[in-house]
Amino acid sequence: MEHKEQLVQFVKEKRQLLNLTQPDLASKAGVGLRFLRDLEQGKASLRIDKVNQVLQLFGHKLGPVPLDRQK
């Protein structure tokens, strides 16, 4: 699974687990609803600081991931 798809799935699952709507999560994270929708739809270019605002609510943040996990 691609990293972008993992991020999309993570955010959707966490939001649904907490019974939050997209507008609720956007408001709690301090980001716009359009940004959150773009994030959950896997838009190719997103501001990392705003992605981290959303992830922070779940106790996570973006970080470097090795391209080849077997090394």
N, C-alpha and C. Protein backbone atom coordinates (compact mmCIF):
# COMPACT_ATOMS: atom_id res chain seq x y z
N MET A 1 0.85 -1.19 0.00
CA MET A 1 0.00 0.00 0.00
C MET A 1 0.89 1.24 0.00
N GLU A 2 0.55 2.19 -0.80
CA GLU A 2 1.28 3.43 -0.91
C GLU A 2 1.13 4.25 0.38
N HIS A 3 2.16 5.04 0.71
CA HIS A 3 2.12 5.84 1.94
C HIS A 3 0.95 6.81 1.96
N LYS A 4 0.65 7.39 0.81
CA LYS A 4 -0.48 8.32 0.74
C LYS A 4 -1.78 7.60 1.10
N GLU A 5 -1.95 6.39 0.57
CA GLU A 5 -3.16 5.62 0.86
C GLU A 5 -3.22 5.25 2.34
N GLN A 6 -2.07 4.96 2.96
CA GLN A 6 -2.03 4.64 4.38
C GLN A 6 -2.47 5.84 5.20
N LEU A 7 -2.02 7.03 4.82
CA LEU A 7 -2.40 8.24 5.52
C LEU A 7 -3.90 8.49 5.40
N VAL A 8 -4.42 8.35 4.19
CA VAL A 8 -5.86 8.55 3.96
C VAL A 8 -6.67 7.58 4.82
N GLN A 9 -6.30 6.32 4.80
CA GLN A 9 -7.03 5.31 5.56
C GLN A 9 -6.92 5.57 7.05
N PHE A 10 -5.74 5.96 7.53
CA PHE A 10 -5.53 6.24 8.95
C PHE A 10 -6.46 7.35 9.43
N VAL A 11 -6.48 8.46 8.69
CA VAL A 11 -7.30 9.61 9.10
C VAL A 11 -8.78 9.24 9.08
N LYS A 12 -9.24 8.58 8.03
CA LYS A 12 -10.65 8.18 7.96
C LYS A 12 -11.04 7.26 9.10
N GLU A 13 -10.19 6.25 9.37
CA GLU A 13 -10.51 5.30 10.43
C GLU A 13 -10.54 5.96 11.80
N LYS A 14 -9.56 6.81 12.09
CA LYS A 14 -9.52 7.50 13.38
C LYS A 14 -10.73 8.42 13.54
N ARG A 15 -11.06 9.15 12.46
CA ARG A 15 -12.21 10.06 12.53
C ARG A 15 -13.49 9.28 12.80
N GLN A 16 -13.68 8.18 12.09
CA GLN A 16 -14.89 7.38 12.26
C GLN A 16 -14.92 6.70 13.63
N LEU A 17 -13.76 6.26 14.12
CA LEU A 17 -13.68 5.64 15.44
C LEU A 17 -14.15 6.60 16.53
N LEU A 18 -13.86 7.87 16.34
CA LEU A 18 -14.26 8.90 17.31
C LEU A 18 -15.64 9.49 17.00
N ASN A 19 -16.32 8.91 16.01
CA ASN A 19 -17.65 9.38 15.61
C ASN A 19 -17.66 10.87 15.27
N LEU A 20 -16.64 11.30 14.54
CA LEU A 20 -16.56 12.69 14.11
C LEU A 20 -16.92 12.79 12.64
N THR A 21 -17.65 13.82 12.30
CA THR A 21 -17.90 14.12 10.89
C THR A 21 -16.68 14.86 10.35
N GLN A 22 -16.61 15.00 9.04
CA GLN A 22 -15.51 15.78 8.47
C GLN A 22 -15.54 17.22 8.99
N PRO A 23 -16.71 17.88 9.04
CA PRO A 23 -16.71 19.24 9.60
C PRO A 23 -16.26 19.29 11.06
N ASP A 24 -16.64 18.27 11.85
CA ASP A 24 -16.21 18.23 13.26
C ASP A 24 -14.69 18.15 13.36
N LEU A 25 -14.10 17.22 12.61
CA LEU A 25 -12.65 17.03 12.68
C LEU A 25 -11.91 18.27 12.17
N ALA A 26 -12.39 18.84 11.09
CA ALA A 26 -11.76 20.04 10.56
C ALA A 26 -11.76 21.15 11.60
N SER A 27 -12.88 21.33 12.27
CA SER A 27 -13.00 22.36 13.30
C SER A 27 -12.06 22.09 14.47
N LYS A 28 -12.04 20.86 14.96
CA LYS A 28 -11.18 20.51 16.10
C LYS A 28 -9.70 20.64 15.76
N ALA A 29 -9.33 20.34 14.52
CA ALA A 29 -7.93 20.41 14.09
C ALA A 29 -7.52 21.82 13.69
N GLY A 30 -8.48 22.70 13.49
CA GLY A 30 -8.16 24.07 13.08
C GLY A 30 -7.78 24.18 11.61
N VAL A 31 -8.34 23.28 10.80
CA VAL A 31 -8.11 23.33 9.35
C VAL A 31 -9.45 23.51 8.66
N GLY A 32 -9.41 23.90 7.41
CA GLY A 32 -10.64 24.08 6.66
C GLY A 32 -11.24 22.74 6.24
N LEU A 33 -12.55 22.75 6.05
CA LEU A 33 -13.24 21.54 5.62
C LEU A 33 -12.72 21.08 4.26
N ARG A 34 -12.47 22.01 3.36
CA ARG A 34 -11.95 21.64 2.04
C ARG A 34 -10.61 20.92 2.16
N PHE A 35 -9.74 21.40 3.06
CA PHE A 35 -8.45 20.74 3.26
C PHE A 35 -8.66 19.31 3.75
N LEU A 36 -9.53 19.13 4.73
CA LEU A 36 -9.75 17.79 5.26
C LEU A 36 -10.32 16.87 4.19
N ARG A 37 -11.22 17.36 3.39
CA ARG A 37 -11.76 16.55 2.30
C ARG A 37 -10.66 16.17 1.31
N ASP A 38 -9.80 17.13 0.98
CA ASP A 38 -8.67 16.84 0.09
C ASP A 38 -7.76 15.77 0.70
N LEU A 39 -7.51 15.87 1.99
CA LEU A 39 -6.69 14.89 2.69
C LEU A 39 -7.30 13.50 2.61
N GLU A 40 -8.59 13.40 2.90
CA GLU A 40 -9.26 12.10 2.91
C GLU A 40 -9.47 11.55 1.49
N GLN A 41 -9.34 12.38 0.49
CA GLN A 41 -9.45 11.91 -0.89
C GLN A 41 -8.09 11.62 -1.50
N GLY A 42 -7.02 11.83 -0.73
CA GLY A 42 -5.69 11.50 -1.19
C GLY A 42 -5.08 12.48 -2.16
N LYS A 43 -5.43 13.76 -2.03
CA LYS A 43 -4.85 14.77 -2.91
C LYS A 43 -3.32 14.70 -2.84
N ALA A 44 -2.69 14.80 -3.99
CA ALA A 44 -1.24 14.60 -4.09
C ALA A 44 -0.42 15.66 -3.36
N SER A 45 -0.89 16.89 -3.32
CA SER A 45 -0.11 17.95 -2.68
C SER A 45 -0.92 18.59 -1.54
N LEU A 46 -0.39 18.43 -0.34
CA LEU A 46 -1.01 19.01 0.85
C LEU A 46 0.07 19.64 1.71
N ARG A 47 -0.29 20.65 2.45
CA ARG A 47 0.67 21.28 3.36
C ARG A 47 0.93 20.36 4.55
N ILE A 48 2.19 20.05 4.78
CA ILE A 48 2.56 19.13 5.85
C ILE A 48 2.16 19.67 7.21
N ASP A 49 2.28 20.97 7.42
CA ASP A 49 1.91 21.52 8.72
C ASP A 49 0.43 21.30 9.02
N LYS A 50 -0.41 21.42 8.00
CA LYS A 50 -1.84 21.20 8.21
C LYS A 50 -2.15 19.72 8.40
N VAL A 51 -1.44 18.85 7.67
CA VAL A 51 -1.62 17.41 7.88
C VAL A 51 -1.27 17.09 9.33
N ASN A 52 -0.19 17.65 9.83
CA ASN A 52 0.21 17.40 11.22
C ASN A 52 -0.78 17.97 12.23
N GLN A 53 -1.47 19.05 11.89
CA GLN A 53 -2.52 19.56 12.78
C GLN A 53 -3.61 18.51 12.96
N VAL A 54 -3.98 17.84 11.89
CA VAL A 54 -5.00 16.80 11.95
C VAL A 54 -4.46 15.59 12.71
N LEU A 55 -3.27 15.14 12.36
CA LEU A 55 -2.69 13.95 12.99
C LEU A 55 -2.44 14.15 14.48
N GLN A 56 -2.15 15.38 14.88
CA GLN A 56 -1.88 15.67 16.28
C GLN A 56 -3.06 15.28 17.17
N LEU A 57 -4.27 15.42 16.66
CA LEU A 57 -5.46 15.04 17.45
C LEU A 57 -5.48 13.56 17.77
N PHE A 58 -4.77 12.75 16.97
CA PHE A 58 -4.71 11.31 17.17
C PHE A 58 -3.39 10.88 17.80
N GLY A 59 -2.59 11.86 18.25
CA GLY A 59 -1.32 11.55 18.88
C GLY A 59 -0.24 11.10 17.90
N HIS A 60 -0.30 11.57 16.66
CA HIS A 60 0.66 11.19 15.62
C HIS A 60 1.16 12.42 14.88
N LYS A 61 2.22 12.22 14.09
CA LYS A 61 2.70 13.24 13.17
C LYS A 61 3.42 12.54 12.02
N LEU A 62 3.57 13.26 10.91
CA LEU A 62 4.28 12.71 9.76
C LEU A 62 5.76 12.58 10.09
N GLY A 63 6.39 11.60 9.50
CA GLY A 63 7.82 11.43 9.69
C GLY A 63 8.42 10.67 8.52
N PRO A 64 9.74 10.63 8.45
CA PRO A 64 10.39 9.92 7.37
C PRO A 64 10.18 8.41 7.48
N VAL A 65 9.93 7.81 6.34
CA VAL A 65 9.71 6.36 6.27
C VAL A 65 10.67 5.82 5.21
N PRO A 66 11.42 4.78 5.55
CA PRO A 66 12.34 4.21 4.55
C PRO A 66 11.59 3.72 3.32
N LEU A 67 12.17 3.96 2.15
CA LEU A 67 11.55 3.48 0.92
C LEU A 67 11.64 1.98 0.82
N ASP A 68 12.75 1.40 1.28
CA ASP A 68 12.93 -0.05 1.27
C ASP A 68 13.00 -0.52 2.71
N ARG A 69 11.91 -1.01 3.22
CA ARG A 69 11.83 -1.41 4.63
C ARG A 69 12.64 -2.66 4.96
N GLN A 70 13.14 -3.36 3.96
CA GLN A 70 13.92 -4.57 4.21
C GLN A 70 15.38 -4.26 4.51
N LYS A 71 15.82 -3.04 4.27
CA LYS A 71 17.22 -2.65 4.54
C LYS A 71 17.36 -2.09 5.92
